PDB file of N, CA and C in Angstrom:
ATOM      1  N   MET A   1      87.760  90.556  99.280  1.00  0.00           N
ATOM      2  CA  MET A   1      88.599  90.474  98.390  1.00  0.00           C
ATOM      3  C   MET A   1      88.311  89.955  96.761  1.00  0.00           C
ATOM      4  N   GLU A   2      89.168  90.685  96.122  1.00  0.00           N
ATOM      5  CA  GLU A   2      88.787  90.251  94.659  1.00  0.00           C
ATOM      6  C   GLU A   2      89.367  89.243  93.883  1.00  0.00           C
ATOM      7  N   ASP A   3      89.049  88.410  92.748  1.00  0.00           N
ATOM      8  CA  ASP A   3      89.665  87.528  92.118  1.00  0.00           C
ATOM      9  C   ASP A   3      90.392  87.918  91.020  1.00  0.00           C
ATOM     10  N   VAL A   4      91.432  87.556  90.656  1.00  0.00           N
ATOM     11  CA  VAL A   4      92.324  87.943  89.607  1.00  0.00           C
ATOM     12  C   VAL A   4      92.223  87.031  88.407  1.00  0.00           C
ATOM     13  N   SER A   5      92.163  87.127  87.320  1.00  0.00           N
ATOM     14  CA  SER A   5      92.094  86.038  86.401  1.00  0.00           C
ATOM     15  C   SER A   5      93.618  86.060  85.744  1.00  0.00           C
ATOM     16  N   PHE A   6      94.028  86.997  85.338  1.00  0.00           N
ATOM     17  CA  PHE A   6      95.628  86.894  84.795  1.00  0.00           C
ATOM     18  C   PHE A   6      96.191  88.166  85.307  1.00  0.00           C
ATOM     19  N   ILE A   7      97.675  88.235  85.269  1.00  0.00           N
ATOM     20  CA  ILE A   7      98.541  89.464  85.672  1.00  0.00           C
ATOM     21  C   ILE A   7      99.287  89.714  84.521  1.00  0.00           C
ATOM     22  N   THR A   8      99.731  90.883  83.981  1.00  0.00           N
ATOM     23  CA  THR A   8     100.469  91.342  82.684  1.00  0.00           C
ATOM     24  C   THR A   8     101.676  92.128  83.389  1.00  0.00           C
ATOM     25  N   THR A   9     102.658  91.903  82.839  1.00  0.00           N
ATOM     26  CA  THR A   9     104.125  92.724  83.278  1.00  0.00           C
ATOM     27  C   THR A   9     104.892  93.107  82.243  1.00  0.00           C
ATOM     28  N   GLU A  10     105.422  94.452  82.479  1.00  0.00           N
ATOM     29  CA  GLU A  10     106.492  94.994  81.618  1.00  0.00           C
ATOM     30  C   GLU A  10     107.741  95.249  82.232  1.00  0.00           C
ATOM     31  N   ASP A  11     108.635  95.008  81.710  1.00  0.00           N
ATOM     32  CA  ASP A  11     109.810  95.274  82.227  1.00  0.00           C
ATOM     33  C   ASP A  11     110.832  95.991  81.198  1.00  0.00           C
ATOM     34  N   ASN A  12     110.550  97.111  80.927  1.00  0.00           N
ATOM     35  CA  ASN A  12     111.300  97.975  80.117  1.00  0.00           C
ATOM     36  C   ASN A  12     111.688  99.320  80.620  1.00  0.00           C
ATOM     37  N   ASP A  13     111.572 100.360  80.009  1.00  0.00           N
ATOM     38  CA  ASP A  13     111.695 101.724  80.626  1.00  0.00           C
ATOM     39  C   ASP A  13     110.570 101.739  81.724  1.00  0.00           C
ATOM     40  N   ASP A  14     109.192 101.379  81.280  1.00  0.00           N
ATOM     41  CA  ASP A  14     108.459 101.493  82.529  1.00  0.00           C
ATOM     42  C   ASP A  14     108.258 100.067  83.079  1.00  0.00           C
ATOM     43  N   LEU A  15     108.389  99.829  84.509  1.00  0.00           N
ATOM     44  CA  LEU A  15     108.043  98.472  85.052  1.00  0.00           C
ATOM     45  C   LEU A  15     106.422  98.720  85.451  1.00  0.00           C
ATOM     46  N   ILE A  16     105.894  97.667  85.353  1.00  0.00           N
ATOM     47  CA  ILE A  16     104.541  97.821  85.322  1.00  0.00           C
ATOM     48  C   ILE A  16     103.983  96.103  85.643  1.00  0.00           C
ATOM     49  N   VAL A  17     103.056  96.174  86.795  1.00  0.00           N
ATOM     50  CA  VAL A  17     102.379  95.050  87.212  1.00  0.00           C
ATOM     51  C   VAL A  17     101.149  95.376  87.027  1.00  0.00           C
ATOM     52  N   SER A  18     100.135  94.651  86.364  1.00  0.00           N
ATOM     53  CA  SER A  18      98.880  94.893  86.095  1.00  0.00           C
ATOM     54  C   SER A  18      97.754  93.539  86.391  1.00  0.00           C
ATOM     55  N   PHE A  19      96.948  94.008  87.449  1.00  0.00           N
ATOM     56  CA  PHE A  19      96.395  92.753  87.691  1.00  0.00           C
ATOM     57  C   PHE A  19      94.861  92.872  87.104  1.00  0.00           C
ATOM     58  N   ALA A  20      94.320  91.888  86.371  1.00  0.00           N
ATOM     59  CA  ALA A  20      92.998  91.921  85.671  1.00  0.00           C
ATOM     60  C   ALA A  20      91.972  90.990  86.531  1.00  0.00           C
ATOM     61  N   ILE A  21      91.047  92.237  86.772  1.00  0.00           N
ATOM     62  CA  ILE A  21      89.911  91.481  87.733  1.00  0.00           C
ATOM     63  C   ILE A  21      88.925  91.750  86.939  1.00  0.00           C
ATOM     64  N   PRO A  22      88.068  90.355  87.204  1.00  0.00           N
ATOM     65  CA  PRO A  22      86.634  90.089  86.110  1.00  0.00           C
ATOM     66  C   PRO A  22      85.907  91.179  86.455  1.00  0.00           C
ATOM     67  N   VAL A  23      84.671  91.448  85.771  1.00  0.00           N
ATOM     68  CA  VAL A  23      83.909  92.542  86.036  1.00  0.00           C
ATOM     69  C   VAL A  23      82.645  91.362  86.145  1.00  0.00           C
ATOM     70  N   SER A  24      81.300  91.679  86.567  1.00  0.00           N
ATOM     71  CA  SER A  24      80.285  91.029  86.911  1.00  0.00           C
ATOM     72  C   SER A  24      79.808  89.925  85.803  1.00  0.00           C
ATOM     73  N   ASP A  25      80.318  90.229  84.507  1.00  0.00           N
ATOM     74  CA  ASP A  25      79.681  89.343  83.317  1.00  0.00           C
ATOM     75  C   ASP A  25      80.919  88.627  82.979  1.00  0.00           C
ATOM     76  N   TYR A  26      81.904  88.505  83.706  1.00  0.00           N
ATOM     77  CA  TYR A  26      83.345  88.057  83.114  1.00  0.00           C
ATOM     78  C   TYR A  26      83.748  88.384  81.683  1.00  0.00           C
ATOM     79  N   ALA A  27      83.140  88.768  80.829  1.00  0.00           N
ATOM     80  CA  ALA A  27      83.364  88.908  79.356  1.00  0.00           C
ATOM     81  C   ALA A  27      84.500  90.346  79.359  1.00  0.00           C
ATOM     82  N   ASP A  28      84.637  91.062  80.575  1.00  0.00           N
ATOM     83  CA  ASP A  28      85.508  91.899  80.639  1.00  0.00           C
ATOM     84  C   ASP A  28      86.313  92.375  81.996  1.00  0.00           C
ATOM     85  N   VAL A  29      87.214  93.095  82.053  1.00  0.00           N
ATOM     86  CA  VAL A  29      88.167  93.166  83.128  1.00  0.00           C
ATOM     87  C   VAL A  29      88.638  94.120  83.327  1.00  0.00           C
ATOM     88  N   LYS A  30      88.651  95.088  84.935  1.00  0.00           N
ATOM     89  CA  LYS A  30      88.942  96.104  85.186  1.00  0.00           C
ATOM     90  C   LYS A  30      90.496  95.892  85.502  1.00  0.00           C
ATOM     91  N   SER A  31      91.433  97.023  85.850  1.00  0.00           N
ATOM     92  CA  SER A  31      92.874  96.786  85.939  1.00  0.00           C
ATOM     93  C   SER A  31      93.070  97.318  87.053  1.00  0.00           C
ATOM     94  N   LEU A  32      94.169  96.735  87.937  1.00  0.00           N
ATOM     95  CA  LEU A  32      94.593  97.575  89.162  1.00  0.00           C
ATOM     96  C   LEU A  32      96.094  97.448  88.570  1.00  0.00           C
ATOM     97  N   THR A  33      96.500  98.718  88.452  1.00  0.00           N
ATOM     98  CA  THR A  33      98.010  98.831  87.812  1.00  0.00           C
ATOM     99  C   THR A  33      98.964  99.417  88.804  1.00  0.00           C
ATOM    100  N   LEU A  34     100.097  98.757  88.872  1.00  0.00           N
ATOM    101  CA  LEU A  34     101.475  99.427  89.436  1.00  0.00           C
ATOM    102  C   LEU A  34     102.377  99.729  88.527  1.00  0.00           C
ATOM    103  N   LEU A  35     102.587 100.814  88.538  1.00  0.00           N
ATOM    104  CA  LEU A  35     104.029 101.583  87.475  1.00  0.00           C
ATOM    105  C   LEU A  35     104.813 102.412  87.964  1.00  0.00           C
ATOM    106  N   ARG A  36     106.034 102.100  87.508  1.00  0.00           N
ATOM    107  CA  ARG A  36     107.156 103.185  88.029  1.00  0.00           C
ATOM    108  C   ARG A  36     108.041 103.185  86.714  1.00  0.00           C
ATOM    109  N   THR A  37     108.538 104.282  86.348  1.00  0.00           N
ATOM    110  CA  THR A  37     109.420 104.467  85.544  1.00  0.00           C
ATOM    111  C   THR A  37     110.742 105.293  85.745  1.00  0.00           C
ATOM    112  N   PRO A  38     111.563 104.441  86.672  1.00  0.00           N
ATOM    113  CA  PRO A  38     112.848 105.228  86.907  1.00  0.00           C
ATOM    114  C   PRO A  38     113.692 105.930  85.960  1.00  0.00           C
ATOM    115  N   LYS A  39     113.575 105.361  85.049  1.00  0.00           N
ATOM    116  CA  LYS A  39     114.352 106.530  83.667  1.00  0.00           C
ATOM    117  C   LYS A  39     114.139 107.773  83.802  1.00  0.00           C
ATOM    118  N   TYR A  40     112.879 108.324  84.059  1.00  0.00           N
ATOM    119  CA  TYR A  40     112.742 109.858  84.280  1.00  0.00           C
ATOM    120  C   TYR A  40     112.309 109.837  85.671  1.00  0.00           C
ATOM    121  N   GLU A  41     112.387 109.157  86.721  1.00  0.00           N
ATOM    122  CA  GLU A  41     112.149 109.819  87.887  1.00  0.00           C
ATOM    123  C   GLU A  41     112.820 111.151  88.470  1.00  0.00           C
ATOM    124  N   PHE A  42     114.163 110.986  87.784  1.00  0.00           N
ATOM    125  CA  PHE A  42     114.815 112.488  88.260  1.00  0.00           C
ATOM    126  C   PHE A  42     114.296 113.668  87.949  1.00  0.00           C
ATOM    127  N   ILE A  43     113.194 113.586  87.099  1.00  0.00           N
ATOM    128  CA  ILE A  43     112.519 115.091  86.814  1.00  0.00           C
ATOM    129  C   ILE A  43     111.719 115.643  87.841  1.00  0.00           C
ATOM    130  N   LEU A  44     111.275 114.461  88.734  1.00  0.00           N
ATOM    131  CA  LEU A  44     110.118 114.504  89.644  1.00  0.00           C
ATOM    132  C   LEU A  44     110.680 114.964  90.965  1.00  0.00           C
ATOM    133  N   ASP A  45     109.912 115.537  91.777  1.00  0.00           N
ATOM    134  CA  ASP A  45     110.095 116.125  93.076  1.00  0.00           C
ATOM    135  C   ASP A  45     110.294 114.427  93.868  1.00  0.00           C
ATOM    136  N   ALA A  46     111.205 114.410  94.966  1.00  0.00           N
ATOM    137  CA  ALA A  46     111.148 113.260  95.843  1.00  0.00           C
ATOM    138  C   ALA A  46     110.084 112.605  96.294  1.00  0.00           C
ATOM    139  N   ALA A  47     109.336 113.534  96.600  1.00  0.00           N
ATOM    140  CA  ALA A  47     107.649 113.102  97.374  1.00  0.00           C
ATOM    141  C   ALA A  47     106.700 112.379  95.976  1.00  0.00           C
ATOM    142  N   GLU A  48     107.318 112.539  95.044  1.00  0.00           N
ATOM    143  CA  GLU A  48     106.521 112.188  93.733  1.00  0.00           C
ATOM    144  C   GLU A  48     107.228 110.927  93.082  1.00  0.00           C
ATOM    145  N   ARG A  49     108.183 110.544  93.634  1.00  0.00           N
ATOM    146  CA  ARG A  49     108.851 109.229  93.054  1.00  0.00           C
ATOM    147  C   ARG A  49     108.472 108.207  93.789  1.00  0.00           C
ATOM    148  N   GLY A  50     108.333 107.013  93.027  1.00  0.00           N
ATOM    149  CA  GLY A  50     107.621 105.444  93.525  1.00  0.00           C
ATOM    150  C   GLY A  50     106.902 104.945  92.396  1.00  0.00           C
ATOM    151  N   VAL A  51     106.153 104.052  92.956  1.00  0.00           N
ATOM    152  CA  VAL A  51     105.308 103.382  92.166  1.00  0.00           C
ATOM    153  C   VAL A  51     103.750 103.707  92.614  1.00  0.00           C
ATOM    154  N   SER A  52     103.279 104.348  91.316  1.00  0.00           N
ATOM    155  CA  SER A  52     101.838 104.790  91.146  1.00  0.00           C
ATOM    156  C   SER A  52     101.132 103.636  91.247  1.00  0.00           C
ATOM    157  N   VAL A  53      99.921 103.762  91.743  1.00  0.00           N
ATOM    158  CA  VAL A  53      98.926 102.930  91.625  1.00  0.00           C
ATOM    159  C   VAL A  53      97.650 103.446  91.455  1.00  0.00           C
ATOM    160  N   SER A  54      97.143 102.726  90.078  1.00  0.00           N
ATOM    161  CA  SER A  54      95.837 103.156  89.603  1.00  0.00           C
ATOM    162  C   SER A  54      94.809 101.700  89.316  1.00  0.00           C
ATOM    163  N   TYR A  55      93.388 102.390  89.549  1.00  0.00           N
ATOM    164  CA  TYR A  55      92.735 101.244  89.763  1.00  0.00           C
ATOM    165  C   TYR A  55      91.491 101.768  88.721  1.00  0.00           C
ATOM    166  N   ASP A  56      90.780 101.167  87.798  1.00  0.00           N
ATOM    167  CA  ASP A  56      89.804 101.348  86.956  1.00  0.00           C
ATOM    168  C   ASP A  56      88.393 101.806  87.997  1.00  0.00           C
ATOM    169  N   ASP A  57      88.480 101.367  89.311  1.00  0.00           N
ATOM    170  CA  ASP A  57      87.222 101.802  90.050  1.00  0.00           C
ATOM    171  C   ASP A  57      87.109 103.327  90.672  1.00  0.00           C
ATOM    172  N   PHE A  58      88.576 103.634  90.840  1.00  0.00           N
ATOM    173  CA  PHE A  58      88.682 104.759  91.045  1.00  0.00           C
ATOM    174  C   PHE A  58      89.783 105.709  90.165  1.00  0.00           C
ATOM    175  N   PRO A  59      89.108 106.374  88.914  1.00  0.00           N
ATOM    176  CA  PRO A  59      90.017 106.868  87.848  1.00  0.00           C
ATOM    177  C   PRO A  59      90.501 107.946  88.561  1.00  0.00           C
ATOM    178  N   ASP A  60      90.215 108.823  89.428  1.00  0.00           N
ATOM    179  CA  ASP A  60      90.802 109.949  89.780  1.00  0.00           C
ATOM    180  C   ASP A  60      92.045 109.833  90.716  1.00  0.00           C
ATOM    181  N   ASP A  61      91.961 108.555  91.090  1.00  0.00           N
ATOM    182  CA  ASP A  61      93.225 108.374  92.138  1.00  0.00           C
ATOM    183  C   ASP A  61      94.454 107.944  91.733  1.00  0.00           C
ATOM    184  N   GLU A  62      94.820 108.618  90.495  1.00  0.00           N
ATOM    185  CA  GLU A  62      95.865 108.071  89.497  1.00  0.00           C
ATOM    186  C   GLU A  62      97.047 108.585  90.216  1.00  0.00           C
ATOM    187  N   ASP A  63      97.317 109.288  91.200  1.00  0.00           N
ATOM    188  CA  ASP A  63      98.514 109.695  91.856  1.00  0.00           C
ATOM    189  C   ASP A  63      99.044 109.358  93.315  1.00  0.00           C
ATOM    190  N   ASP A  64      98.355 108.069  93.270  1.00  0.00           N
ATOM    191  CA  ASP A  64      98.414 107.413  94.674  1.00  0.00           C
ATOM    192  C   ASP A  64      99.921 106.505  94.815  1.00  0.00           C
ATOM    193  N   LEU A  65     100.832 106.616  95.575  1.00  0.00           N
ATOM    194  CA  LEU A  65     101.969 105.784  95.243  1.00  0.00           C
ATOM    195  C   LEU A  65     101.639 104.569  96.498  1.00  0.00           C
ATOM    196  N   LEU A  66     102.499 103.757  96.065  1.00  0.00           N
ATOM    197  CA  LEU A  66     102.496 102.158  96.832  1.00  0.00           C
ATOM    198  C   LEU A  66     103.192 102.400  97.823  1.00  0.00           C
ATOM    199  N   GLU A  67     102.755 102.039  99.164  1.00  0.00           N
ATOM    200  CA  GLU A  67     103.327 102.041 100.449  1.00  0.00           C
ATOM    201  C   GLU A  67     103.746 100.852 100.986  1.00  0.00           C
ATOM    202  N   GLU A  68     102.872  99.662 100.396  1.00  0.00           N
ATOM    203  CA  GLU A  68     103.425  98.504 101.258  1.00  0.00           C
ATOM    204  C   GLU A  68     102.580  97.601 100.142  1.00  0.00           C
ATOM    205  N   ILE A  69     103.310  96.245  99.880  1.00  0.00           N
ATOM    206  CA  ILE A  69     102.517  95.160  99.321  1.00  0.00           C
ATOM    207  C   ILE A  69     103.195  93.957  99.939  1.00  0.00           C
ATOM    208  N   GLU A  70     102.215  92.874 100.395  1.00  0.00           N
ATOM    209  CA  GLU A  70     102.183  91.564 100.809  1.00  0.00           C
ATOM    210  C   GLU A  70     101.943  90.669 100.172  1.00  0.00           C
ATOM    211  N   ILE A  71     102.507  89.537  99.722  1.00  0.00           N
ATOM    212  CA  ILE A  71     102.303  88.541  99.196  1.00  0.00           C
ATOM    213  C   ILE A  71     102.430  87.298  99.960  1.00  0.00           C
ATOM    214  N   GLU A  72     101.363  86.633 100.053  1.00  0.00           N
ATOM    215  CA  GLU A  72     101.466  85.418 100.876  1.00  0.00           C
ATOM    216  C   GLU A  72     100.747  84.410 100.530  1.00  0.00           C
ATOM    217  N   GLU A  73     101.223  83.470  99.635  1.00  0.00           N
ATOM    218  CA  GLU A  73     100.594  82.333  99.320  1.00  0.00           C
ATOM    219  C   GLU A  73      99.608  82.915  97.904  1.00  0.00           C
ATOM    220  N   ASP A  74      98.481  82.707  97.932  1.00  0.00           N
ATOM    221  CA  ASP A  74      97.590  83.174  96.810  1.00  0.00           C
ATOM    222  C   ASP A  74      96.950  84.620  97.055  1.00  0.00           C
ATOM    223  N   VAL A  75      97.362  85.548  98.006  1.00  0.00           N
ATOM    224  CA  VAL A  75      96.742  86.554  98.603  1.00  0.00           C
ATOM    225  C   VAL A  75      97.827  87.881  98.266  1.00  0.00           C
ATOM    226  N   VAL A  76      97.563  88.759  97.264  1.00  0.00           N
ATOM    227  CA  VAL A  76      98.092  89.793  97.562  1.00  0.00           C
ATOM    228  C   VAL A  76      97.503  91.167  98.273  1.00  0.00           C
ATOM    229  N   LYS A  77      98.345  91.770  99.036  1.00  0.00           N
ATOM    230  CA  LYS A  77      97.546  92.794  99.841  1.00  0.00           C
ATOM    231  C   LYS A  77      98.266  94.226  99.129  1.00  0.00           C
ATOM    232  N   ILE A  78      97.596  95.157  98.609  1.00  0.00           N
ATOM    233  CA  ILE A  78      98.366  96.155  98.301  1.00  0.00           C
ATOM    234  C   ILE A  78      97.975  97.575  99.143  1.00  0.00           C
ATOM    235  N   THR A  79      99.086  98.395  99.594  1.00  0.00           N
ATOM    236  CA  THR A  79      98.371  99.374 100.528  1.00  0.00           C
ATOM    237  C   THR A  79      98.511 100.533 100.002  1.00  0.00           C
ATOM    238  N   ILE A  80      98.102 101.649  99.770  1.00  0.00           N
ATOM    239  CA  ILE A  80      98.425 102.715  99.430  1.00  0.00           C
ATOM    240  C   ILE A  80      97.994 103.748 100.479  1.00  0.00           C
ATOM    241  N   SER A  81      98.013 105.420 100.018  1.00  0.00           N
ATOM    242  CA  SER A  81      97.726 106.400 101.349  1.00  0.00           C
ATOM    243  C   SER A  81      96.361 106.389 101.936  1.00  0.00           C
ATOM    244  N   HIS A  82      95.523 105.841 101.197  1.00  0.00           N
ATOM    245  CA  HIS A  82      94.261 105.678 101.636  1.00  0.00           C
ATOM    246  C   HIS A  82      93.030 104.756 101.233  1.00  0.00           C
ATOM    247  N   ARG A  83      93.776 103.429 100.754  1.00  0.00           N
ATOM    248  CA  ARG A  83      93.075 102.321 100.271  1.00  0.00           C
ATOM    249  C   ARG A  83      93.688 101.159 100.588  1.00  0.00           C
ATOM    250  N   ARG A  84      93.181  99.988 100.601  1.00  0.00           N
ATOM    251  CA  ARG A  84      93.699  98.718 100.412  1.00  0.00           C
ATOM    252  C   ARG A  84      93.241  97.929  99.788  1.00  0.00           C
ATOM    253  N   TYR A  85      93.935  97.283  99.018  1.00  0.00           N
ATOM    254  CA  TYR A  85      93.263  96.312  98.261  1.00  0.00           C
ATOM    255  C   TYR A  85      93.654  94.874  98.492  1.00  0.00           C
ATOM    256  N   ALA A  86      92.789  93.647  98.463  1.00  0.00           N
ATOM    257  CA  ALA A  86      93.104  92.285  98.672  1.00  0.00           C
ATOM    258  C   ALA A  86      92.928  91.514  97.534  1.00  0.00           C
ATOM    259  N   LEU A  87      93.616  91.086  97.158  1.00  0.00           N
ATOM    260  CA  LEU A  87      93.442  89.917  95.626  1.00  0.00           C
ATOM    261  C   LEU A  87      93.925  88.619  95.942  1.00  0.00           C
ATOM    262  N   ASN A  88      93.036  88.170  95.245  1.00  0.00           N
ATOM    263  CA  ASN A  88      93.044  86.380  95.423  1.00  0.00           C
ATOM    264  C   ASN A  88      93.758  85.898  93.719  1.00  0.00           C
ATOM    265  N   VAL A  89      94.946  85.343  94.078  1.00  0.00           N
ATOM    266  CA  VAL A  89      95.588  85.184  92.541  1.00  0.00           C
ATOM    267  C   VAL A  89      95.761  83.589  92.576  1.00  0.00           C
ATOM    268  N   GLN A  90      95.029  82.812  93.000  1.00  0.00           N
ATOM    269  CA  GLN A  90      94.963  81.550  93.187  1.00  0.00           C
ATOM    270  C   GLN A  90      94.767  80.987  91.714  1.00  0.00           C
ATOM    271  N   ASP A  91      93.832  81.819  90.791  1.00  0.00           N
ATOM    272  CA  ASP A  91      93.560  80.960  89.356  1.00  0.00           C
ATOM    273  C   ASP A  91      94.608  81.488  88.264  1.00  0.00           C
ATOM    274  N   VAL A  92      95.732  82.213  88.818  1.00  0.00           N
ATOM    275  CA  VAL A  92      96.630  82.985  87.968  1.00  0.00           C
ATOM    276  C   VAL A  92      97.736  81.955  87.679  1.00  0.00           C
ATOM    277  N   ASP A  93      98.320  81.577  86.405  1.00  0.00           N
ATOM    278  CA  ASP A  93      99.301  80.891  86.051  1.00  0.00           C
ATOM    279  C   ASP A  93     100.387  81.274  87.310  1.00  0.00           C
ATOM    280  N   ASP A  94     101.212  80.213  87.462  1.00  0.00           N
ATOM    281  CA  ASP A  94     102.501  80.386  88.266  1.00  0.00           C
ATOM    282  C   ASP A  94     103.533  81.120  87.608  1.00  0.00           C
ATOM    283  N   GLU A  95     103.643  80.985  86.286  1.00  0.00           N
ATOM    284  CA  GLU A  95     104.777  81.938  85.588  1.00  0.00           C
ATOM    285  C   GLU A  95     104.382  83.316  85.544  1.00  0.00           C
ATOM    286  N   GLU A  96     103.137  83.391  85.516  1.00  0.00           N
ATOM    287  CA  GLU A  96     102.637  85.185  85.728  1.00  0.00           C
ATOM    288  C   GLU A  96     102.896  85.825  87.049  1.00  0.00           C
ATOM    289  N   VAL A  97     102.800  84.883  87.984  1.00  0.00           N
ATOM    290  CA  VAL A  97     102.744  85.315  89.374  1.00  0.00           C
ATOM    291  C   VAL A  97     104.352  85.418  89.659  1.00  0.00           C
ATOM    292  N   LYS A  98     105.396  84.530  89.347  1.00  0.00           N
ATOM    293  CA  LYS A  98     106.641  84.695  89.402  1.00  0.00           C
ATOM    294  C   LYS A  98     107.223  85.983  88.658  1.00  0.00           C
ATOM    295  N   ARG A  99     106.805  86.168  87.450  1.00  0.00           N
ATOM    296  CA  ARG A  99     107.365  87.441  86.612  1.00  0.00           C
ATOM    297  C   ARG A  99     106.789  88.840  87.398  1.00  0.00           C
ATOM    298  N   ALA A 100     105.780  88.841  87.794  1.00  0.00           N
ATOM    299  CA  ALA A 100     105.058  89.908  88.757  1.00  0.00           C
ATOM    300  C   ALA A 100     106.128  90.089  89.909  1.00  0.00           C
ATOM    301  N   MET A 101     106.351  89.059  90.454  1.00  0.00           N
ATOM    302  CA  MET A 101     107.207  89.152  91.571  1.00  0.00           C
ATOM    303  C   MET A 101     108.803  89.857  91.237  1.00  0.00           C
ATOM    304  N   LYS A 102     109.010  89.481  90.532  1.00  0.00           N
ATOM    305  CA  LYS A 102     110.505  89.600  89.876  1.00  0.00           C
ATOM    306  C   LYS A 102     110.266  91.159  89.504  1.00  0.00           C
ATOM    307  N   THR A 103     109.066  91.709  88.582  1.00  0.00           N
ATOM    308  CA  THR A 103     109.147  92.932  88.473  1.00  0.00           C
ATOM    309  C   THR A 103     108.943  93.704  89.708  1.00  0.00           C
ATOM    310  N   LEU A 104     107.986  93.430  90.654  1.00  0.00           N
ATOM    311  CA  LEU A 104     107.921  94.139  91.815  1.00  0.00           C
ATOM    312  C   LEU A 104     109.274  94.338  92.929  1.00  0.00           C
ATOM    313  N   LYS A 105     109.870  93.441  92.782  1.00  0.00           N
ATOM    314  CA  LYS A 105     111.371  93.542  93.269  1.00  0.00           C
ATOM    315  C   LYS A 105     112.063  94.643  92.473  1.00  0.00           C
ATOM    316  N   LYS A 106     112.115  94.785  91.287  1.00  0.00           N
ATOM    317  CA  LYS A 106     112.738  95.892  90.560  1.00  0.00           C
ATOM    318  C   LYS A 106     112.277  97.052  91.005  1.00  0.00           C
ATOM    319  N   THR A 107     110.875  97.216  90.882  1.00  0.00           N
ATOM    320  CA  THR A 107     110.305  98.484  91.417  1.00  0.00           C
ATOM    321  C   THR A 107     110.761  99.163  92.525  1.00  0.00           C
ATOM    322  N   ASN A 108     111.402  98.326  93.586  1.00  0.00           N
ATOM    323  CA  ASN A 108     111.568  98.530  94.736  1.00  0.00           C
ATOM    324  C   ASN A 108     112.933  98.898  95.290  1.00  0.00           C
ATOM    325  N   PHE A 109     113.993  99.179  94.174  1.00  0.00           N
ATOM    326  CA  PHE A 109     115.453  99.466  93.992  1.00  0.00           C
ATOM    327  C   PHE A 109     115.701 100.201  95.063  1.00  0.00           C
ATOM    328  N   ASP A 110     115.013 101.118  95.393  1.00  0.00           N
ATOM    329  CA  ASP A 110     115.383 102.168  96.472  1.00  0.00           C
ATOM    330  C   ASP A 110     114.683 102.004  97.675  1.00  0.00           C
ATOM    331  N   GLN A 111     113.641 100.898  97.791  1.00  0.00           N
ATOM    332  CA  GLN A 111     113.344 100.615  99.275  1.00  0.00           C
ATOM    333  C   GLN A 111     111.868 101.709  99.432  1.00  0.00           C
ATOM    334  N   ARG A 112     111.722 102.302  98.362  1.00  0.00           N
ATOM    335  CA  ARG A 112     110.375 103.194  98.390  1.00  0.00           C
ATOM    336  C   ARG A 112     109.171 102.594  98.986  1.00  0.00           C
ATOM    337  N   PHE A 113     109.058 101.621  99.062  1.00  0.00           N
ATOM    338  CA  PHE A 113     107.480 101.092  99.844  1.00  0.00           C
ATOM    339  C   PHE A 113     108.095  99.610 100.298  1.00  0.00           C
ATOM    340  N   LYS A 114     107.301  99.285 101.366  1.00  0.00           N
ATOM    341  CA  LYS A 114     107.847  97.812 102.280  1.00  0.00           C
ATOM    342  C   LYS A 114     107.158  96.495 101.416  1.00  0.00           C
ATOM    343  N   LEU A 115     108.059  95.491 100.972  1.00  0.00           N
ATOM    344  CA  LEU A 115     107.605  94.443 100.298  1.00  0.00           C
ATOM    345  C   LEU A 115     108.028  93.455 101.102  1.00  0.00           C
ATOM    346  N   SER A 116     106.891  92.722 101.285  1.00  0.00           N
ATOM    347  CA  SER A 116     106.961  91.490 102.111  1.00  0.00           C
ATOM    348  C   SER A 116     106.357  90.019 101.126  1.00  0.00           C
ATOM    349  N   ILE A 117     107.287  89.135 101.058  1.00  0.00           N
ATOM    350  CA  ILE A 117     106.866  87.898 100.371  1.00  0.00           C
ATOM    351  C   ILE A 117     106.938  87.100 101.350  1.00  0.00           C
ATOM    352  N   LEU A 118     105.705  86.522 101.890  1.00  0.00           N
ATOM    353  CA  LEU A 118     105.796  85.268 103.109  1.00  0.00           C
ATOM    354  C   LEU A 118     105.461  84.011 102.263  1.00  0.00           C
TER     355      LEU A 118
END
């Protein structure tokens, strides 16, 4: 499980939830980012629509789509086609977590992925 130091969200044309994960020296972070742009999805094939997931540790995997996200207390589990991430958000400000959940719900307007908030 990886610790998250903060979460940034964007709720405009792009719907973004990005988890900042400290690297070993804690002076820098790597990002696990969930992105969806509903405004422009109509130009994509149906199989390409949804929330794309990118992680700085795997820069070549930018076309992965979110399959499931489970939020239980201070743990966020993210599942994509061939990876699963477990994130500890206990040190993140409660307002940041609430904004992230609100944005995640918006990204799932068409039920493209399984969203569980326990």
